[in-house]
Amino acid sequence: MDYRKLQNGSDIRGVALEGIEGQHVNLTEQACRDIGRGFALWLMARTGKTQLRVAVGRDSRLSGETLGSWICDAMVQAGLAVTDLGMASTPAMFMSTVTEGYLFDGSVMITASHLPFNRNGFKFFTKDGGLEKADITQILENAASDKQTGLPVGKAEKGEFMSTYAKLLADKIRAATGEEKPLDGFRIVVDAGNGAGGFYATQVLQPLGANTDGSRFLDPDGSFPNHIPNPEDETAMASIMEAVRETNADLGIIFDTDVDRAGAVLADGSELNRNRIIAMMAAILLREHPGTTIVTDSITSTGLAAFIAKHGGVHHRFRRGYRNVINESIRLNNEGKDSQLAMETSGHGALKENYFLDDGAYLVTKLLIELARGKKMGYSLQSLIADLAEPAESKEFRMNILPDDFQAYGAKVLDDLKAYAEKQDGWQIAPNNFEGVRVSLDKAHGDGWFLLRRSLHDPLMPLNVESDKVGGVRQITEQLYGFLQTCDKLDLDKVTEYLKG
């Protein structure tokens, strides 16, 4: 098969199990073995070494153990020393490359994040962080070749890292608060969605004194019987909100399957995700690092930009894609401009102080330090974002691009939209925009903004619309619809249905 089809940006993803009509397995045994050999070849070329130690972990997916056995055996056959760490989180697998006593030369995480049960994939790390898109391309090219390492068979062993990783997080909270059990007296509930995040309740919160009674779905189950482990999913957020209400908790925490993303629910029952969680992290980091630059993805609100500026920071709105925002923040730092946080509205958040690793558990750890600090100093987490102006309405439409050459057609639509927008009364194209076409509309024309962009990987054009007044989203969408109707190769069914509703 063409292994290039398995690339999803800086990850590898595919179908690992039958069970959904029209989706057939392409993460076959042969593919997994070839990818393992491909990674071994890549890692040897990158490090210049042949004596290499690699760790492998997996989330709760039903196919994880089988895929793990295949890729582990392939890397052993290629001459590597491979340690199977079993159930793990994606951030923990990176940390296994930089933590004393482990210091693996590379690591592999078997996960497909929040995708359906039949999917799976691989993420790769070295001590320098997650691999880039070009690295994945090279690994897949190696996999498609018949090139071998030429080394004798390596060795395989079992290991465990999550207890060490959990202690690192717990000790960070202890060090920041100066207390052995700084969460004593707090009730904090976790919804792991049957993914890999249940450890946070039992190995971080409970040793710190927190009451975690009322937590949900901590046991790993890759069939995801309760809800999708995804902080962006409405059903998942409703679940953790319900848990907070039922237990009168001080904080609710929700992770995605492999724990590189997180969301939360505050004590007043309000959601802490998307713009709100970015604002919360920005408030904390701007107190610790005045004037720092906060890098976000392209669909963050105008209210967030105003919030960051009011708190003395610089908002740098960049492109969608967690690697994009992370790499942009790293680039700014390399140029001498301090940037402590890179965060997507999806919940991917990476801090300079933590290797620029997108780690949901680390984000939550920062929140818990603030929760304990606030109790001592007389403020709540809610108060940190009390001055965040939030939109009255927001909506996203995802429009399919019909031609095979979808990237070229999408580019043409954006060029045409820019020319169209320049002629409209009350419309202003946003300056310093790095993705798609973002337009602000004055109060008479909808009191908000829209962003039309191309999807990173799929034949889609997402349209985000936000307004500061009730009815504004419809008003903005109606004005834009006149342009969209000229795009005869865009599927407008969802927009049309909305406007007729």
Protein backbone atom coordinates (compact mmCIF):
# COMPACT_ATOMS: atom_id res chain seq x y z
CA MET A 1 0.00 0.00 0.00
CA ASP A 2 0.97 3.64 -0.26
CA TYR A 3 2.13 4.40 3.27
CA ARG A 4 2.02 8.14 2.58
CA LYS A 5 -1.75 7.93 3.03
CA LEU A 6 -1.16 7.15 6.71
CA GLN A 7 0.44 10.52 7.39
CA ASN A 8 -1.66 13.03 9.28
CA GLY A 9 0.59 16.06 9.68
CA SER A 10 3.16 15.18 12.34
CA ASP A 11 1.38 11.91 13.27
CA ILE A 12 0.60 8.58 11.66
CA ARG A 13 -3.06 7.57 11.77
CA GLY A 14 -5.15 4.87 10.17
CA VAL A 15 -7.85 2.27 10.60
CA ALA A 16 -6.80 -0.51 12.96
CA LEU A 17 -10.09 -2.40 13.41
CA GLU A 18 -13.04 -3.31 11.24
CA GLY A 19 -16.45 -2.26 12.49
CA ILE A 20 -17.39 0.93 10.66
CA GLU A 21 -18.86 0.55 7.21
CA GLY A 22 -16.58 1.72 4.43
CA GLN A 23 -13.52 1.92 6.69
CA HIS A 24 -11.12 -0.95 6.11
CA VAL A 25 -7.97 -1.72 8.06
CA ASN A 26 -4.84 -0.09 6.70
CA LEU A 27 -2.76 -0.24 9.89
CA THR A 28 -2.04 -3.86 9.09
CA GLU A 29 0.58 -6.02 10.74
CA GLN A 30 2.91 -5.46 7.78
CA ALA A 31 2.39 -1.72 7.90
CA CYS A 32 3.14 -1.55 11.64
CA ARG A 33 6.25 -3.65 11.26
CA ASP A 34 7.48 -1.55 8.34
CA ILE A 35 6.84 1.65 10.31
CA GLY A 36 8.81 0.27 13.24
CA ARG A 37 11.74 -0.46 10.94
CA GLY A 38 11.28 2.95 9.32
CA PHE A 39 11.51 4.69 12.70
CA ALA A 40 14.61 2.70 13.64
CA LEU A 41 16.32 3.81 10.42
CA TRP A 42 15.24 7.42 10.98
CA LEU A 43 16.42 7.46 14.59
CA MET A 44 19.82 6.02 13.71
CA ALA A 45 20.27 8.65 11.01
CA ARG A 46 19.15 11.44 13.34
CA THR A 47 21.34 10.45 16.30
CA GLY A 48 24.31 8.96 14.45
CA LYS A 49 24.12 6.03 16.88
CA THR A 50 23.35 2.36 16.49
CA GLN A 51 23.06 1.42 20.16
CA LEU A 52 19.63 2.89 20.85
CA ARG A 53 16.99 2.52 23.56
CA VAL A 54 13.35 3.17 22.63
CA ALA A 55 10.21 3.23 24.79
CA VAL A 56 6.71 2.35 23.56
CA GLY A 57 3.43 3.27 25.25
CA ARG A 58 -0.25 3.17 24.33
CA ASP A 59 -3.59 4.59 25.35
CA SER A 60 -6.72 2.54 26.04
CA ARG A 61 -7.67 1.76 22.43
CA LEU A 62 -8.75 -1.80 21.75
CA SER A 63 -6.10 -2.28 19.08
CA GLY A 64 -3.26 -0.72 21.08
CA GLU A 65 -1.75 -3.85 22.59
CA THR A 66 -1.68 -5.68 19.25
CA LEU A 67 -0.18 -2.75 17.34
CA GLY A 68 2.32 -2.36 20.15
CA SER A 69 3.46 -5.96 19.90
CA TRP A 70 4.05 -5.57 16.15
CA ILE A 71 5.99 -2.30 16.25
CA CYS A 72 8.02 -3.39 19.28
CA ASP A 73 9.04 -6.65 17.62
CA ALA A 74 9.96 -4.83 14.39
CA MET A 75 12.24 -2.41 16.22
CA VAL A 76 13.85 -5.27 18.14
CA GLN A 77 14.45 -7.07 14.85
CA ALA A 78 16.04 -3.85 13.58
CA GLY A 79 18.53 -3.94 16.46
CA LEU A 80 17.01 -1.59 19.05
CA ALA A 81 16.59 -2.14 22.78
CA VAL A 82 12.84 -1.69 23.26
CA THR A 83 10.98 -1.18 26.53
CA ASP A 84 7.22 -1.64 26.49
CA LEU A 85 5.84 0.80 29.08
CA GLY A 86 2.23 -0.35 28.64
CA MET A 87 -0.60 2.09 29.35
CA ALA A 88 0.66 5.66 29.18
CA SER A 89 -0.17 9.19 28.12
CA THR A 90 1.34 10.90 25.11
CA PRO A 91 3.12 13.60 27.20
CA ALA A 92 4.55 10.91 29.47
CA MET A 93 6.14 9.20 26.50
CA PHE A 94 8.04 12.38 25.68
CA MET A 95 9.03 12.77 29.33
CA SER A 96 10.55 9.29 29.25
CA THR A 97 13.25 10.73 26.96
CA VAL A 98 14.27 13.54 29.36
CA THR A 99 13.70 12.08 32.84
CA GLU A 100 16.71 10.89 34.83
CA GLY A 101 16.77 7.13 35.20
CA TYR A 102 15.07 6.64 31.84
CA LEU A 103 16.51 8.96 29.14
CA PHE A 104 15.36 6.87 26.18
CA ASP A 105 16.80 7.86 22.80
CA GLY A 106 13.32 7.87 21.33
CA SER A 107 9.76 6.91 22.15
CA VAL A 108 6.60 5.84 20.37
CA MET A 109 3.05 6.52 21.53
CA ILE A 110 0.24 4.42 20.08
CA THR A 111 -2.83 6.65 19.91
CA ALA A 112 -5.36 8.30 17.64
CA SER A 113 -6.40 10.92 20.20
CA HIS A 114 -10.19 11.39 20.23
CA LEU A 115 -10.97 9.56 16.98
CA PRO A 116 -13.46 6.63 16.94
CA PHE A 117 -12.63 3.25 18.47
CA ASN A 118 -11.55 1.68 15.16
CA ARG A 119 -8.74 4.20 14.55
CA ASN A 120 -5.21 4.18 15.89
CA GLY A 121 -1.80 5.54 15.04
CA PHE A 122 1.68 6.51 16.17
CA LYS A 123 3.36 9.60 17.58
CA PHE A 124 7.13 9.76 17.91
CA PHE A 125 9.46 11.68 20.21
CA THR A 126 13.11 12.33 20.91
CA LYS A 127 14.54 14.49 23.68
CA ASP A 128 14.09 17.44 21.31
CA GLY A 129 10.31 16.98 21.27
CA GLY A 130 7.72 15.63 18.88
CA LEU A 131 8.67 14.90 15.30
CA GLU A 132 7.80 17.29 12.50
CA LYS A 133 5.84 16.58 9.34
CA ALA A 134 9.02 16.08 7.29
CA ASP A 135 10.28 13.52 9.81
CA ILE A 136 7.08 11.48 9.48
CA THR A 137 7.39 11.61 5.71
CA GLN A 138 10.91 10.20 5.98
CA ILE A 139 9.83 7.42 8.34
CA LEU A 140 7.09 6.38 5.90
CA GLU A 141 9.54 6.50 2.99
CA ASN A 142 11.85 4.24 5.00
CA ALA A 143 8.90 1.94 5.71
CA ALA A 144 8.09 1.64 2.00
CA SER A 145 11.69 0.77 1.15
CA ASP A 146 13.45 -2.55 1.62
CA LYS A 147 16.33 -0.91 3.50
CA GLN A 148 17.48 -2.70 6.66
CA THR A 149 19.63 -1.54 9.58
CA GLY A 150 22.07 -4.43 9.22
CA LEU A 151 22.27 -4.81 13.00
CA PRO A 152 21.88 -7.98 15.06
CA VAL A 153 18.57 -8.49 16.83
CA GLY A 154 18.10 -6.18 19.82
CA LYS A 155 16.25 -6.93 23.05
CA ALA A 156 12.79 -6.41 24.47
CA GLU A 157 11.65 -5.82 28.04
CA LYS A 158 8.66 -4.57 30.01
CA GLY A 159 8.74 -1.38 32.04
CA GLU A 160 6.55 1.22 33.77
CA PHE A 161 6.76 5.01 33.76
CA MET A 162 3.39 6.49 34.69
CA SER A 163 4.01 6.38 38.44
CA THR A 164 7.24 8.34 37.93
CA TYR A 165 5.51 10.83 35.65
CA ALA A 166 2.61 11.28 38.09
CA LYS A 167 5.04 11.96 40.91
CA LEU A 168 6.74 14.65 38.82
CA LEU A 169 3.39 16.43 38.53
CA ALA A 170 2.47 15.99 42.19
CA ASP A 171 5.90 17.18 43.31
CA LYS A 172 5.53 20.30 41.16
CA ILE A 173 2.37 21.22 43.07
CA ARG A 174 4.06 20.47 46.39
CA ALA A 175 7.05 22.63 45.49
CA ALA A 176 4.87 25.54 44.33
CA THR A 177 2.69 25.49 47.46
CA GLY A 178 5.25 24.41 50.05
CA GLU A 179 2.83 21.80 51.39
CA GLU A 180 2.82 18.02 51.38
CA LYS A 181 -0.95 17.83 50.85
CA PRO A 182 -1.93 21.19 49.37
CA LEU A 183 -5.25 19.90 48.01
CA ASP A 184 -6.54 18.73 51.38
CA GLY A 185 -10.11 20.00 51.75
CA PHE A 186 -10.74 20.30 48.01
CA ARG A 187 -13.12 18.07 46.08
CA ILE A 188 -11.84 17.61 42.54
CA VAL A 189 -13.50 15.25 40.08
CA VAL A 190 -11.97 13.78 36.94
CA ASP A 191 -13.69 12.45 33.83
CA ALA A 192 -11.18 10.38 31.86
CA GLY A 193 -13.76 9.10 29.36
CA ASN A 194 -12.23 5.60 29.72
CA GLY A 195 -9.03 6.88 28.13
CA ALA A 196 -5.56 6.94 29.68
CA GLY A 197 -6.17 9.87 32.06
CA GLY A 198 -7.56 8.05 35.08
CA PHE A 199 -4.10 8.02 36.67
CA TYR A 200 -4.44 11.73 37.44
CA ALA A 201 -7.15 11.10 40.03
CA THR A 202 -5.46 8.18 41.75
CA GLN A 203 -1.77 9.03 41.40
CA VAL A 204 -1.75 12.84 41.52
CA LEU A 205 -4.86 14.23 43.19
CA GLN A 206 -5.38 11.66 45.94
CA PRO A 207 -1.74 11.70 47.19
CA LEU A 208 -2.06 15.51 47.40
CA GLY A 209 -5.06 15.18 49.70
CA ALA A 210 -7.91 15.87 47.27
CA ASN A 211 -11.28 14.14 47.60
CA THR A 212 -11.94 12.65 44.15
CA ASP A 213 -15.24 10.94 44.96
CA GLY A 214 -17.63 11.39 42.06
CA SER A 215 -14.96 11.04 39.38
CA ARG A 216 -16.12 9.27 36.25
CA PHE A 217 -14.93 6.70 33.76
CA LEU A 218 -11.40 6.37 35.11
CA ASP A 219 -10.98 2.76 34.00
CA PRO A 220 -9.46 2.31 30.53
CA ASP A 221 -11.89 0.92 27.96
CA GLY A 222 -11.10 1.44 24.30
CA SER A 223 -14.69 0.92 23.20
CA PHE A 224 -15.43 4.29 24.90
CA PRO A 225 -18.83 3.13 26.20
CA ASN A 226 -19.79 6.38 27.94
CA HIS A 227 -18.67 9.22 25.69
CA ILE A 228 -15.84 10.25 23.41
CA PRO A 229 -12.83 11.37 25.49
CA ASN A 230 -12.65 14.86 24.03
CA PRO A 231 -12.89 18.23 25.84
CA GLU A 232 -14.46 19.72 22.69
CA ASP A 233 -17.31 17.19 22.60
CA GLU A 234 -20.64 18.49 23.98
CA THR A 235 -21.59 15.15 25.53
CA ALA A 236 -18.21 14.84 27.23
CA MET A 237 -18.39 18.37 28.65
CA ALA A 238 -21.96 17.76 29.82
CA SER A 239 -20.71 14.71 31.70
CA ILE A 240 -18.03 16.54 33.69
CA MET A 241 -20.38 19.49 34.31
CA GLU A 242 -22.92 17.06 35.76
CA ALA A 243 -20.23 15.50 37.97
CA VAL A 244 -19.29 18.94 39.33
CA ARG A 245 -22.91 19.81 40.09
CA GLU A 246 -23.68 16.47 41.74
CA THR A 247 -20.64 16.57 44.03
CA ASN A 248 -20.43 20.34 44.58
CA ALA A 249 -16.81 20.04 43.46
CA ASP A 250 -14.24 22.81 43.55
CA LEU A 251 -13.03 21.80 40.08
CA GLY A 252 -13.85 19.29 37.38
CA ILE A 253 -11.20 17.99 34.98
CA ILE A 254 -11.67 16.26 31.63
CA PHE A 255 -8.95 14.76 29.43
CA ASP A 256 -8.86 13.47 25.90
CA THR A 257 -7.88 9.86 25.26
CA ASP A 258 -4.10 10.27 25.39
CA VAL A 259 -4.06 13.25 27.82
CA ASP A 260 -2.32 15.78 25.61
CA ARG A 261 -5.46 17.96 25.88
CA ALA A 262 -7.60 19.00 28.82
CA GLY A 263 -10.65 21.03 29.72
CA ALA A 264 -12.21 21.89 33.05
CA VAL A 265 -15.36 22.99 34.84
CA LEU A 266 -15.15 25.66 37.52
CA ALA A 267 -16.91 25.54 40.88
CA ASP A 268 -19.73 27.74 39.57
CA GLY A 269 -20.47 25.14 36.90
CA SER A 270 -19.07 27.11 33.97
CA GLU A 271 -16.99 25.45 31.27
CA LEU A 272 -13.29 26.15 31.05
CA ASN A 273 -12.37 25.38 27.47
CA ARG A 274 -11.64 27.09 24.17
CA ASN A 275 -11.10 30.85 24.67
CA ARG A 276 -11.77 30.62 28.42
CA ILE A 277 -9.01 28.15 29.24
CA ILE A 278 -6.54 30.10 27.09
CA ALA A 279 -7.52 33.25 29.00
CA MET A 280 -7.05 31.45 32.33
CA MET A 281 -3.58 30.21 31.40
CA ALA A 282 -2.69 33.64 29.99
CA ALA A 283 -3.72 35.34 33.25
CA ILE A 284 -1.51 32.99 35.26
CA LEU A 285 1.50 33.26 32.97
CA LEU A 286 1.24 37.03 32.53
CA ARG A 287 1.46 37.40 36.30
CA GLU A 288 4.55 35.19 36.32
CA HIS A 289 6.02 36.64 33.09
CA PRO A 290 4.73 40.19 32.51
CA GLY A 291 4.54 41.21 28.87
CA THR A 292 4.95 37.72 27.43
CA THR A 293 3.47 36.81 24.05
CA ILE A 294 0.60 34.32 23.94
CA VAL A 295 0.42 32.39 20.65
CA THR A 296 -2.98 31.00 19.72
CA ASP A 297 -4.67 29.48 16.70
CA SER A 298 -6.61 31.53 14.18
CA ILE A 299 -10.16 31.15 15.52
CA THR A 300 -9.74 32.76 18.94
CA SER A 301 -12.15 35.55 19.78
CA THR A 302 -11.68 39.31 19.75
CA GLY A 303 -12.56 39.22 23.44
CA LEU A 304 -9.55 37.03 24.16
CA ALA A 305 -7.26 39.40 22.29
CA ALA A 306 -8.58 42.32 24.35
CA PHE A 307 -8.19 40.28 27.57
CA ILE A 308 -4.55 39.46 26.87
CA ALA A 309 -3.79 43.09 26.02
CA LYS A 310 -5.56 44.33 29.17
CA HIS A 311 -3.43 42.00 31.28
CA GLY A 312 -0.26 43.38 29.73
CA GLY A 313 0.44 40.64 27.23
CA VAL A 314 0.82 40.38 23.48
CA HIS A 315 -1.64 38.24 21.53
CA HIS A 316 -0.15 36.56 18.47
CA ARG A 317 -2.93 34.83 16.52
CA PHE A 318 -1.44 32.18 14.20
CA ARG A 319 -2.54 29.17 12.13
CA ARG A 320 -4.58 26.16 13.26
CA GLY A 321 -2.66 23.02 14.18
CA TYR A 322 -0.99 22.40 17.52
CA ARG A 323 2.45 21.97 15.95
CA ASN A 324 1.98 25.27 14.14
CA VAL A 325 1.28 27.28 17.29
CA ILE A 326 4.05 25.53 19.21
CA ASN A 327 6.63 26.07 16.48
CA GLU A 328 5.60 29.71 16.14
CA SER A 329 6.08 30.29 19.86
CA ILE A 330 9.49 28.61 19.69
CA ARG A 331 10.38 30.78 16.70
CA LEU A 332 9.47 33.95 18.57
CA ASN A 333 11.62 32.91 21.52
CA ASN A 334 14.54 32.17 19.21
CA GLU A 335 14.17 35.71 17.85
CA GLY A 336 14.41 37.11 21.37
CA LYS A 337 10.68 37.72 21.97
CA ASP A 338 9.52 35.99 25.14
CA SER A 339 6.57 33.66 24.53
CA GLN A 340 5.55 31.46 27.43
CA LEU A 341 2.39 29.87 26.04
CA ALA A 342 1.28 28.33 22.75
CA MET A 343 -2.32 27.15 22.87
CA GLU A 344 -5.08 26.04 20.52
CA THR A 345 -8.78 26.39 21.23
CA SER A 346 -8.92 22.57 20.94
CA GLY A 347 -7.22 22.32 24.36
CA HIS A 348 -3.69 21.67 23.11
CA GLY A 349 -1.52 23.90 25.29
CA ALA A 350 2.27 24.00 25.54
CA LEU A 351 4.36 26.00 28.01
CA LYS A 352 7.91 27.18 27.59
CA GLU A 353 8.66 26.01 31.14
CA ASN A 354 7.63 22.46 30.18
CA TYR A 355 9.64 21.77 27.01
CA PHE A 356 6.84 23.28 24.87
CA LEU A 357 5.10 19.95 25.32
CA ASP A 358 1.35 19.94 24.74
CA ASP A 359 0.38 18.23 27.97
CA GLY A 360 -3.16 18.33 29.33
CA ALA A 361 -2.06 17.00 32.71
CA TYR A 362 0.55 19.76 33.05
CA LEU A 363 -2.05 22.44 32.20
CA VAL A 364 -4.31 21.05 34.92
CA THR A 365 -1.36 20.99 37.31
CA LYS A 366 -0.90 24.74 36.75
CA LEU A 367 -4.61 25.24 37.46
CA LEU A 368 -4.36 23.29 40.71
CA ILE A 369 -1.41 25.37 41.89
CA GLU A 370 -3.55 28.44 41.23
CA LEU A 371 -6.53 26.88 43.00
CA ALA A 372 -4.44 26.30 46.13
CA ARG A 373 -2.86 29.76 45.87
CA GLY A 374 -6.28 31.38 45.54
CA LYS A 375 -7.57 29.69 48.68
CA LYS A 376 -4.68 31.15 50.67
CA MET A 377 -4.98 34.63 49.14
CA GLY A 378 -8.74 34.88 48.98
CA TYR A 379 -9.61 34.65 45.30
CA SER A 380 -11.20 32.04 43.04
CA LEU A 381 -10.23 30.65 39.67
CA GLN A 382 -13.38 32.24 38.26
CA SER A 383 -12.15 35.69 39.24
CA LEU A 384 -9.10 35.36 37.00
CA ILE A 385 -11.25 35.60 33.87
CA ALA A 386 -14.07 37.77 35.21
CA ASP A 387 -13.11 40.52 32.75
CA LEU A 388 -13.03 38.24 29.69
CA ALA A 389 -15.58 39.56 27.18
CA GLU A 390 -17.32 36.58 25.62
CA PRO A 391 -19.34 36.57 22.40
CA ALA A 392 -23.11 36.44 22.46
CA GLU A 393 -23.07 33.83 19.68
CA SER A 394 -20.63 31.70 17.74
CA LYS A 395 -20.98 29.00 15.10
CA GLU A 396 -18.79 26.87 12.84
CA PHE A 397 -19.75 25.53 9.41
CA ARG A 398 -17.61 22.92 7.63
CA MET A 399 -18.07 23.04 3.87
CA ASN A 400 -16.79 20.25 1.63
CA ILE A 401 -14.67 21.17 -1.40
CA LEU A 402 -15.84 19.07 -4.33
CA PRO A 403 -12.91 19.09 -6.83
CA ASP A 404 -10.05 16.63 -6.45
CA ASP A 405 -7.58 19.50 -6.50
CA PHE A 406 -9.13 20.91 -3.33
CA GLN A 407 -6.11 22.91 -2.18
CA ALA A 408 -6.00 24.95 -5.39
CA TYR A 409 -9.75 25.55 -5.36
CA GLY A 410 -9.66 26.57 -1.69
CA ALA A 411 -6.88 29.06 -2.42
CA LYS A 412 -8.94 30.58 -5.23
CA VAL A 413 -11.98 30.96 -2.96
CA LEU A 414 -9.88 32.83 -0.41
CA ASP A 415 -8.39 35.13 -3.05
CA ASP A 416 -11.86 35.90 -4.38
CA LEU A 417 -13.22 36.49 -0.87
CA LYS A 418 -10.46 38.97 -0.06
CA ALA A 419 -11.26 40.97 -3.20
CA TYR A 420 -14.98 40.80 -2.37
CA ALA A 421 -14.52 41.86 1.26
CA GLU A 422 -12.53 44.94 0.31
CA LYS A 423 -15.61 46.32 -1.48
CA GLN A 424 -18.16 45.74 1.30
CA ASP A 425 -19.40 48.50 3.61
CA GLY A 426 -18.74 47.83 7.30
CA TRP A 427 -16.25 45.04 6.57
CA GLN A 428 -12.58 45.25 7.54
CA ILE A 429 -10.02 42.58 6.69
CA ALA A 430 -7.98 41.75 9.78
CA PRO A 431 -4.32 42.82 9.60
CA ASN A 432 -1.50 40.43 10.47
CA ASN A 433 -3.63 37.39 9.67
CA PHE A 434 -1.74 34.14 9.09
CA GLU A 435 -4.53 31.85 7.94
CA GLY A 436 -7.47 32.24 5.60
CA VAL A 437 -9.44 35.47 5.42
CA ARG A 438 -10.63 37.02 8.69
CA VAL A 439 -13.05 39.95 8.48
CA SER A 440 -14.42 42.17 11.25
CA LEU A 441 -17.91 43.66 10.79
CA ASP A 442 -19.14 46.83 12.50
CA LYS A 443 -22.24 47.01 14.70
CA ALA A 444 -24.55 47.80 11.80
CA HIS A 445 -23.40 44.72 9.88
CA GLY A 446 -23.35 42.11 12.64
CA ASP A 447 -20.97 43.32 15.37
CA GLY A 448 -18.55 40.44 15.05
CA TRP A 449 -16.21 38.62 12.70
CA PHE A 450 -15.86 35.63 10.43
CA LEU A 451 -12.91 33.52 9.36
CA LEU A 452 -12.91 31.35 6.26
CA ARG A 453 -9.93 29.05 5.89
CA ARG A 454 -8.78 25.81 4.33
CA SER A 455 -8.55 22.66 6.45
CA LEU A 456 -5.00 21.55 7.16
CA HIS A 457 -5.42 18.10 5.64
CA ASP A 458 -8.95 17.55 4.34
CA PRO A 459 -11.04 18.83 1.39
CA LEU A 460 -12.89 21.21 3.69
CA MET A 461 -13.29 24.93 4.22
CA PRO A 462 -14.27 25.67 7.84
CA LEU A 463 -16.15 28.93 8.41
CA ASN A 464 -16.20 30.39 11.92
CA VAL A 465 -18.63 33.21 12.72
CA GLU A 466 -18.84 35.10 16.01
CA SER A 467 -20.93 38.05 17.13
CA ASP A 468 -21.29 40.22 20.21
CA LYS A 469 -25.06 40.54 19.77
CA VAL A 470 -27.93 38.06 19.64
CA GLY A 471 -28.85 37.44 16.02
CA GLY A 472 -25.48 38.68 14.82
CA VAL A 473 -24.22 35.32 13.57
CA ARG A 474 -27.23 35.00 11.27
CA GLN A 475 -26.80 38.58 10.07
CA ILE A 476 -23.12 38.03 9.26
CA THR A 477 -23.78 34.66 7.61
CA GLU A 478 -26.55 36.11 5.45
CA GLN A 479 -24.19 38.80 4.14
CA LEU A 480 -21.43 36.30 3.44
CA TYR A 481 -23.87 33.89 1.77
CA GLY A 482 -24.07 36.16 -1.25
CA PHE A 483 -20.39 35.54 -1.88
CA LEU A 484 -20.49 31.82 -1.05
CA GLN A 485 -23.17 31.23 -3.67
CA THR A 486 -20.65 32.23 -6.33
CA CYS A 487 -18.42 29.32 -5.24
CA ASP A 488 -20.10 26.58 -7.25
CA LYS A 489 -17.76 23.84 -6.09
CA LEU A 490 -18.33 24.39 -2.36
CA ASP A 491 -20.98 22.30 -0.61
CA LEU A 492 -23.16 24.96 1.05
CA ASP A 493 -25.84 22.60 2.37
CA LYS A 494 -25.12 23.24 6.07
CA VAL A 495 -25.04 27.01 5.64
CA THR A 496 -28.22 26.94 3.58
CA GLU A 497 -29.97 24.75 6.14
CA TYR A 498 -28.95 27.14 8.94
CA LEU A 499 -30.26 30.20 7.14
CA LYS A 500 -33.56 28.51 6.33
CA GLY A 501 -34.02 27.33 9.92
